[in-house]
N, C-alpha and C. Protein backbone atom coordinates (compact mmCIF):
# COMPACT_ATOMS: atom_id res chain seq x y z
N UNK A 1 1.13 117.94 24.82
CA UNK A 1 1.13 119.71 24.85
C UNK A 1 0.12 120.31 23.78
N UNK A 2 -0.67 120.72 24.11
CA UNK A 2 -1.68 121.68 23.11
C UNK A 2 -1.06 122.48 22.67
N UNK A 3 -1.10 122.78 20.71
CA UNK A 3 -0.26 123.79 20.25
C UNK A 3 -1.48 124.51 19.63
N UNK A 4 -1.26 126.13 19.66
CA UNK A 4 -2.10 126.64 19.17
C UNK A 4 -1.60 128.01 18.29
N UNK A 5 -1.96 128.14 17.53
CA UNK A 5 -1.39 129.32 16.28
C UNK A 5 -2.88 130.24 16.64
N UNK A 6 -2.36 131.11 16.94
CA UNK A 6 -3.04 132.84 17.33
C UNK A 6 -2.77 133.88 15.92
N UNK A 7 -3.73 134.13 15.55
CA UNK A 7 -3.61 135.21 14.45
C UNK A 7 -4.09 136.21 14.50
N UNK A 8 -3.66 137.45 14.73
CA UNK A 8 -4.01 138.51 15.00
C UNK A 8 -3.31 139.55 14.34
N UNK A 9 -3.87 140.92 14.23
CA UNK A 9 -3.17 142.28 14.11
C UNK A 9 -3.63 143.55 14.87
N UNK A 10 -4.59 144.04 14.47
CA UNK A 10 -5.05 145.11 14.73
C UNK A 10 -5.83 144.87 16.75
N UNK A 11 -6.37 143.42 16.66
CA UNK A 11 -7.08 142.95 17.87
C UNK A 11 -6.00 142.49 18.70
N UNK A 12 -4.99 142.40 18.44
CA UNK A 12 -3.91 141.35 19.24
C UNK A 12 -3.73 142.42 20.52
N UNK A 13 -3.63 141.31 21.61
CA UNK A 13 -3.61 142.29 23.04
C UNK A 13 -4.71 142.74 23.59
N UNK A 14 -6.10 142.70 22.68
CA UNK A 14 -7.44 142.92 23.46
C UNK A 14 -8.03 141.92 24.45
N UNK A 15 -8.94 142.39 24.87
CA UNK A 15 -9.47 141.48 26.11
C UNK A 15 -10.47 140.05 25.87
N UNK A 16 -10.77 140.38 24.02
CA UNK A 16 -11.35 139.41 23.89
C UNK A 16 -10.11 138.17 23.31
N UNK A 17 -9.55 138.35 22.99
CA UNK A 17 -8.24 137.19 22.79
C UNK A 17 -7.46 136.99 23.93
N UNK A 18 -7.36 137.93 24.38
CA UNK A 18 -6.75 137.31 26.05
C UNK A 18 -7.59 136.32 26.46
N UNK A 19 -8.57 136.62 26.62
CA UNK A 19 -9.51 135.83 27.13
C UNK A 19 -9.66 134.54 26.85
N UNK A 20 -9.69 134.08 25.37
CA UNK A 20 -9.42 133.13 24.75
C UNK A 20 -8.18 132.05 25.32
N UNK A 21 -7.24 132.83 25.21
CA UNK A 21 -5.62 132.26 25.51
C UNK A 21 -5.77 132.03 26.67
N UNK A 22 -6.68 132.86 27.44
CA UNK A 22 -6.19 132.56 28.77
C UNK A 22 -7.15 131.35 29.24
N UNK A 23 -8.30 130.90 28.41
CA UNK A 23 -9.07 129.91 28.66
C UNK A 23 -8.34 128.58 28.12
N UNK A 24 -7.69 128.66 26.98
CA UNK A 24 -6.72 127.80 26.49
C UNK A 24 -5.46 127.25 27.76
N UNK A 25 -4.80 128.57 28.38
CA UNK A 25 -3.66 128.01 29.05
C UNK A 25 -4.27 127.01 30.16
N UNK A 26 -5.79 127.65 30.52
CA UNK A 26 -6.62 127.32 32.06
C UNK A 26 -6.36 125.64 31.60
N UNK A 27 -7.01 125.08 30.49
CA UNK A 27 -6.96 123.66 30.11
C UNK A 27 -6.12 122.72 30.06
N UNK A 28 -4.25 123.15 30.33
CA UNK A 28 -3.65 122.61 30.62
C UNK A 28 -2.46 123.03 29.80
N UNK A 29 -0.98 122.00 29.78
CA UNK A 29 -0.13 122.33 29.21
C UNK A 29 -0.14 123.17 27.54
N UNK A 30 0.07 124.40 27.56
CA UNK A 30 -0.27 124.92 26.17
C UNK A 30 1.12 125.63 25.28
N UNK A 31 1.14 125.56 24.54
CA UNK A 31 2.14 126.00 23.80
C UNK A 31 1.33 126.95 22.87
N UNK A 32 1.86 128.67 22.60
CA UNK A 32 1.23 129.54 21.63
C UNK A 32 2.37 130.13 20.63
N UNK A 33 2.02 129.79 19.69
CA UNK A 33 2.77 130.54 18.58
C UNK A 33 1.92 131.45 17.87
N UNK A 34 2.37 132.84 18.11
CA UNK A 34 1.51 134.25 17.66
C UNK A 34 1.93 134.69 16.43
N UNK A 35 1.32 134.81 15.17
CA UNK A 35 1.19 134.94 13.70
C UNK A 35 0.26 136.43 13.53
N UNK A 36 1.32 137.69 13.19
CA UNK A 36 0.90 138.76 12.77
C UNK A 36 1.06 139.27 11.55
N UNK A 37 -0.12 139.14 10.70
CA UNK A 37 0.28 139.34 9.11
C UNK A 37 0.50 140.84 9.19
N UNK A 38 1.59 141.42 9.04
CA UNK A 38 2.11 142.68 8.72
C UNK A 38 1.07 143.23 7.44
N UNK A 39 -0.60 143.15 7.44
CA UNK A 39 -1.50 144.01 6.76
C UNK A 39 -1.59 145.68 7.58
N UNK A 40 -2.02 146.25 6.65
CA UNK A 40 -2.10 147.64 7.11
C UNK A 40 -3.26 147.80 7.79
N UNK A 41 -4.18 149.07 8.43
CA UNK A 41 -5.20 148.87 9.13
C UNK A 41 -6.48 148.81 8.76
N UNK A 42 -7.62 149.14 9.35
CA UNK A 42 -8.62 148.74 8.50
C UNK A 42 -9.09 149.43 7.53
N UNK A 43 -8.21 150.52 6.95
CA UNK A 43 -8.75 151.01 5.75
C UNK A 43 -8.09 150.42 4.44
N UNK A 44 -8.40 150.00 2.96
CA UNK A 44 -8.13 149.48 2.43
C UNK A 44 -7.32 150.47 1.44
N UNK A 45 -7.21 152.06 1.91
CA UNK A 45 -6.25 152.71 1.21
C UNK A 45 -4.83 152.73 1.25
N UNK A 46 -4.21 153.91 1.20
CA UNK A 46 -2.79 154.28 1.06
C UNK A 46 -2.43 153.30 2.20
N UNK A 47 -1.07 152.81 2.51
CA UNK A 47 -0.67 152.82 3.37
C UNK A 47 0.96 152.64 3.23
N UNK A 48 2.05 152.45 4.31
CA UNK A 48 3.27 152.61 4.13
C UNK A 48 3.79 151.24 4.77
N UNK A 49 4.08 150.11 4.00
CA UNK A 49 4.44 148.69 4.25
C UNK A 49 5.75 149.09 5.56
N UNK A 50 6.67 149.65 5.19
CA UNK A 50 7.67 149.91 6.70
C UNK A 50 6.77 150.17 8.01
N UNK A 51 6.07 150.98 8.08
CA UNK A 51 5.29 151.35 9.00
C UNK A 51 4.39 150.05 9.52
N UNK A 52 3.44 149.16 8.44
CA UNK A 52 3.17 148.10 8.93
C UNK A 52 3.19 147.13 9.68
N UNK A 53 4.81 147.23 8.90
CA UNK A 53 6.07 145.52 9.88
C UNK A 53 6.21 146.41 11.11
N UNK A 54 6.55 147.60 10.97
CA UNK A 54 7.20 148.16 12.18
C UNK A 54 6.02 147.71 13.66
N UNK A 55 5.08 148.37 13.14
CA UNK A 55 3.64 148.17 13.91
C UNK A 55 3.22 146.66 14.58
N UNK A 56 3.38 146.31 13.38
CA UNK A 56 3.11 144.68 13.40
C UNK A 56 4.04 143.62 14.51
N UNK A 57 5.03 143.96 14.54
CA UNK A 57 6.37 143.81 15.46
C UNK A 57 5.93 144.44 17.08
N UNK A 58 5.73 145.32 17.33
CA UNK A 58 5.58 145.89 18.49
C UNK A 58 4.43 145.42 18.99
N UNK A 59 2.91 144.89 17.92
CA UNK A 59 2.10 144.03 18.89
C UNK A 59 2.54 142.72 18.98
N UNK A 60 3.02 142.52 18.22
CA UNK A 60 3.75 141.30 18.19
C UNK A 60 5.02 140.90 19.68
N UNK A 61 5.53 142.18 19.99
CA UNK A 61 6.53 142.00 21.22
C UNK A 61 5.24 142.07 22.34
N UNK A 62 4.25 143.06 22.24
CA UNK A 62 3.76 143.36 23.80
C UNK A 62 2.57 141.49 23.96
N UNK A 63 2.40 141.27 22.77
CA UNK A 63 1.26 139.97 22.90
C UNK A 63 2.29 138.92 23.63
N UNK A 64 3.32 138.56 23.11
CA UNK A 64 4.33 137.68 23.48
C UNK A 64 4.22 137.93 24.98
N UNK A 65 4.70 139.01 25.38
CA UNK A 65 4.50 139.55 26.92
C UNK A 65 3.53 139.30 27.66
N UNK A 66 2.50 139.62 27.09
CA UNK A 66 1.09 139.23 27.64
C UNK A 66 0.38 137.77 28.09
N UNK A 67 0.92 136.97 27.04
CA UNK A 67 0.54 135.49 26.93
C UNK A 67 1.41 134.82 28.02
N UNK A 68 3.10 135.42 27.75
CA UNK A 68 4.08 134.56 28.89
C UNK A 68 3.34 134.73 30.22
N UNK A 69 2.83 135.78 30.79
CA UNK A 69 2.00 135.97 32.26
C UNK A 69 1.50 134.86 32.31
N UNK A 70 0.54 134.27 31.32
CA UNK A 70 -0.33 132.91 31.44
C UNK A 70 0.33 131.69 31.93
N UNK A 71 2.08 131.99 31.74
CA UNK A 71 2.38 130.69 32.30
C UNK A 71 2.52 129.59 31.18
N UNK A 72 2.23 129.83 29.84
CA UNK A 72 2.21 129.14 28.94
C UNK A 72 3.53 129.36 28.00
N UNK A 73 4.30 128.78 27.00
CA UNK A 73 5.53 128.76 26.28
C UNK A 73 4.56 129.80 24.87
N UNK A 74 5.80 130.53 24.28
CA UNK A 74 4.91 131.38 23.31
C UNK A 74 6.12 131.72 22.80
N UNK A 75 5.95 131.65 21.36
CA UNK A 75 7.10 132.32 20.31
C UNK A 75 6.05 133.04 19.44
N UNK A 76 6.60 133.68 17.89
CA UNK A 76 5.87 134.66 17.27
C UNK A 76 6.23 134.59 16.10
N UNK A 77 5.71 135.70 15.31
CA UNK A 77 6.63 136.25 14.22
C UNK A 77 5.45 137.35 13.53
N UNK A 78 6.21 137.75 12.42
CA UNK A 78 5.53 138.60 11.92
C UNK A 78 5.46 138.40 10.12
N UNK A 79 4.62 137.97 9.68
CA UNK A 79 4.17 137.52 8.35
C UNK A 79 4.07 137.97 7.44
N UNK A 80 3.59 137.61 6.25
CA UNK A 80 3.18 138.09 4.85
C UNK A 80 1.85 138.53 5.82
N UNK A 81 1.65 140.08 4.47
CA UNK A 81 0.61 140.53 4.48
C UNK A 81 -0.25 140.21 4.71
N UNK A 82 -0.98 139.44 3.77
CA UNK A 82 -2.28 137.95 3.42
C UNK A 82 -1.88 137.17 4.27
N UNK A 83 -3.35 137.41 4.99
CA UNK A 83 -3.04 136.41 6.16
C UNK A 83 -3.23 135.18 5.69
N UNK A 84 -3.62 134.71 4.30
CA UNK A 84 -3.98 133.31 4.44
C UNK A 84 -2.88 132.84 4.10
N UNK A 85 -1.92 133.60 3.29
CA UNK A 85 -0.80 133.00 3.19
C UNK A 85 0.25 133.23 4.27
N UNK A 86 -0.09 133.69 5.01
CA UNK A 86 1.39 133.82 6.12
C UNK A 86 0.46 132.68 7.21
N UNK A 87 -0.87 132.21 7.57
CA UNK A 87 -1.13 131.19 8.17
C UNK A 87 -0.13 130.35 7.09
N UNK A 88 -0.05 129.99 5.85
CA UNK A 88 -0.16 128.97 5.43
C UNK A 88 1.77 128.43 5.41
N UNK A 89 2.27 129.59 4.70
CA UNK A 89 3.54 129.60 5.38
C UNK A 89 4.17 128.69 7.16
N UNK A 90 3.43 129.44 7.94
CA UNK A 90 3.55 128.84 9.40
C UNK A 90 3.39 127.22 9.43
N UNK A 91 2.37 126.80 8.99
CA UNK A 91 1.76 124.98 9.11
C UNK A 91 2.28 124.64 7.99
N UNK A 92 3.15 125.37 6.82
CA UNK A 92 3.63 124.17 6.16
C UNK A 92 5.24 124.00 7.10
N UNK A 93 5.50 125.25 7.99
CA UNK A 93 6.91 124.82 8.67
C UNK A 93 7.03 124.48 9.80
N UNK A 94 6.01 124.45 10.67
CA UNK A 94 5.81 124.32 11.79
C UNK A 94 5.38 122.91 12.04
N UNK A 95 5.45 122.15 13.22
CA UNK A 95 4.80 121.01 13.78
C UNK A 95 3.49 121.40 13.91
N UNK A 96 2.42 120.30 14.21
CA UNK A 96 0.90 120.62 13.63
C UNK A 96 0.63 121.09 15.09
N UNK A 97 -0.45 121.96 14.86
CA UNK A 97 -1.38 122.81 15.81
C UNK A 97 -2.38 122.04 15.89
N UNK A 98 -3.01 122.25 17.15
CA UNK A 98 -4.32 121.37 17.13
C UNK A 98 -5.48 122.47 17.27
N UNK A 99 -5.57 124.10 17.10
CA UNK A 99 -6.29 125.01 16.96
C UNK A 99 -5.81 126.43 16.68
N UNK A 100 -6.58 126.60 15.54
CA UNK A 100 -6.18 128.27 14.96
C UNK A 100 -7.18 129.31 15.71
N UNK A 101 -6.61 130.17 16.28
CA UNK A 101 -7.42 131.08 17.11
C UNK A 101 -7.39 132.46 16.53
N UNK A 102 -8.28 132.50 15.56
CA UNK A 102 -8.34 133.93 14.62
C UNK A 102 -8.95 134.85 14.80
N UNK A 103 -8.41 136.43 15.26
CA UNK A 103 -8.68 137.28 15.87
C UNK A 103 -9.30 138.65 15.13
N UNK A 104 -10.12 138.98 14.37
CA UNK A 104 -10.53 140.01 14.11
C UNK A 104 -11.44 141.31 14.69
N UNK A 105 -11.40 142.25 13.52
CA UNK A 105 -12.03 143.35 13.99
C UNK A 105 -14.25 142.86 13.86
N UNK A 106 -14.65 143.27 14.24
CA UNK A 106 -16.29 142.84 13.88
C UNK A 106 -16.32 143.36 12.37
N UNK A 107 -17.33 142.50 11.65
CA UNK A 107 -17.32 142.86 10.04
C UNK A 107 -17.80 144.00 9.46
N UNK A 108 -18.05 144.99 10.48
CA UNK A 108 -17.62 146.43 9.14
C UNK A 108 -16.92 146.96 8.84
N UNK A 109 -15.70 147.07 10.15
CA UNK A 109 -14.17 147.92 9.57
C UNK A 109 -13.08 146.40 9.13
N UNK A 110 -13.56 145.23 9.51
CA UNK A 110 -12.71 144.33 9.43
C UNK A 110 -12.08 143.78 7.84
N UNK A 111 -11.20 144.22 7.18
CA UNK A 111 -10.45 143.55 5.97
C UNK A 111 -11.05 142.07 5.86
N UNK A 112 -10.55 141.82 7.02
CA UNK A 112 -10.40 139.89 7.24
C UNK A 112 -11.64 139.63 7.02
N UNK A 113 -12.60 139.93 7.55
CA UNK A 113 -14.15 139.66 7.12
C UNK A 113 -14.95 139.97 5.96
N UNK A 114 -14.24 141.28 5.71
CA UNK A 114 -14.80 141.18 3.91
C UNK A 114 -14.01 140.14 2.98
N UNK A 115 -13.01 139.89 3.62
CA UNK A 115 -12.70 138.77 2.49
C UNK A 115 -12.86 137.21 3.29
N UNK A 116 -13.48 137.24 4.02
CA UNK A 116 -14.20 135.73 4.79
C UNK A 116 -12.91 134.69 5.23
N UNK A 117 -11.98 135.82 5.75
CA UNK A 117 -11.12 135.21 6.21
C UNK A 117 -11.43 133.76 7.18
N UNK A 118 -12.09 133.61 8.02
CA UNK A 118 -12.23 132.71 9.05
C UNK A 118 -12.64 131.23 8.11
N UNK A 119 -13.68 131.74 7.15
CA UNK A 119 -14.20 130.33 6.31
C UNK A 119 -12.86 130.02 5.31
N UNK A 120 -12.23 130.79 4.69
CA UNK A 120 -11.32 130.48 4.18
C UNK A 120 -10.36 129.81 4.50
N UNK A 121 -9.84 129.74 5.87
CA UNK A 121 -8.65 129.36 6.50
C UNK A 121 -9.17 127.93 6.86
N UNK A 122 -10.70 127.94 7.33
CA UNK A 122 -11.41 126.42 7.91
C UNK A 122 -11.24 125.87 6.38
N UNK A 123 -11.52 126.03 5.10
CA UNK A 123 -11.61 125.24 4.19
C UNK A 123 -10.00 124.87 3.35
N UNK A 124 -9.44 125.63 3.43
CA UNK A 124 -7.53 125.72 3.22
C UNK A 124 -6.90 124.93 4.14
N UNK A 125 -7.12 124.75 5.23
CA UNK A 125 -6.30 124.06 6.38
C UNK A 125 -6.99 123.13 7.09
N UNK A 126 -6.65 121.77 7.42
CA UNK A 126 -7.44 121.03 7.99
C UNK A 126 -6.64 120.98 9.58
N UNK A 127 -7.25 122.12 9.79
CA UNK A 127 -6.94 122.55 11.57
C UNK A 127 -8.58 123.20 12.11
N UNK A 128 -8.99 122.82 13.31
CA UNK A 128 -10.07 123.66 13.86
C UNK A 128 -9.70 125.26 13.95
N UNK A 129 -10.67 125.92 13.56
CA UNK A 129 -10.62 127.25 14.15
C UNK A 129 -11.16 128.28 14.50
N UNK A 130 -10.87 128.76 15.61
CA UNK A 130 -11.91 129.48 16.63
C UNK A 130 -11.71 131.07 15.92
N UNK A 131 -12.59 131.55 15.90
CA UNK A 131 -13.06 133.19 15.61
C UNK A 131 -13.54 134.21 16.60
N UNK A 132 -12.56 134.93 16.65
CA UNK A 132 -12.62 135.94 18.13
C UNK A 132 -12.80 136.97 17.68
N UNK A 133 -13.86 138.01 17.91
CA UNK A 133 -14.06 139.18 17.18
C UNK A 133 -13.97 140.38 18.66
N UNK A 134 -12.74 141.08 17.65
CA UNK A 134 -12.43 141.89 19.23
C UNK A 134 -12.21 143.83 18.89
N UNK A 135 -12.08 144.25 19.40
CA UNK A 135 -11.94 145.67 19.01
C UNK A 135 -10.62 145.67 19.13
N UNK A 136 -9.95 146.93 18.20
CA UNK A 136 -8.81 147.62 17.70
C UNK A 136 -8.43 148.14 19.03
N UNK A 137 -7.14 148.04 18.89
CA UNK A 137 -6.28 148.28 20.25
C UNK A 137 -5.54 150.10 19.58
N UNK A 138 -5.34 150.57 20.46
CA UNK A 138 -4.75 151.96 20.20
C UNK A 138 -3.18 151.46 20.20
N UNK A 139 -2.44 152.04 19.24
CA UNK A 139 -0.87 151.88 19.20
C UNK A 139 -0.53 151.82 20.81
N UNK A 140 -0.81 153.26 21.56
CA UNK A 140 -0.69 153.26 22.74
C UNK A 140 -1.17 152.64 24.13
N UNK A 141 -2.04 151.98 23.47
CA UNK A 141 -3.11 150.88 24.58
C UNK A 141 -2.36 149.24 24.18
């Protein structure tokens, strides 16, 4: 069984990420673990940690429901607000993953792209990384 770690926040539930997960599910028996770092929105400015965690949990629940409809086993969690740390926490605790699917906003508005997260994850962990660029979903959408 192929195991995938899906890492996303604002783009979780977007069509680009869903299409990538759908492709993995169609390839055969798959297990998805969704990680939502509890980071703030696209701005580096003031944020409310409790609100960030609550929104991350909401996105996680929606993603678990959405990915489960593809016929794959789905688990998930909200992680550390620092995505590189959150990924490391999961990789140290869980059985090995075949691939990390990392979804970010486009370069302009993306904090994760400004911190060069896709390449940092590739360098830090011995797991192939697929970078998906998506659009932010509104809380109601």
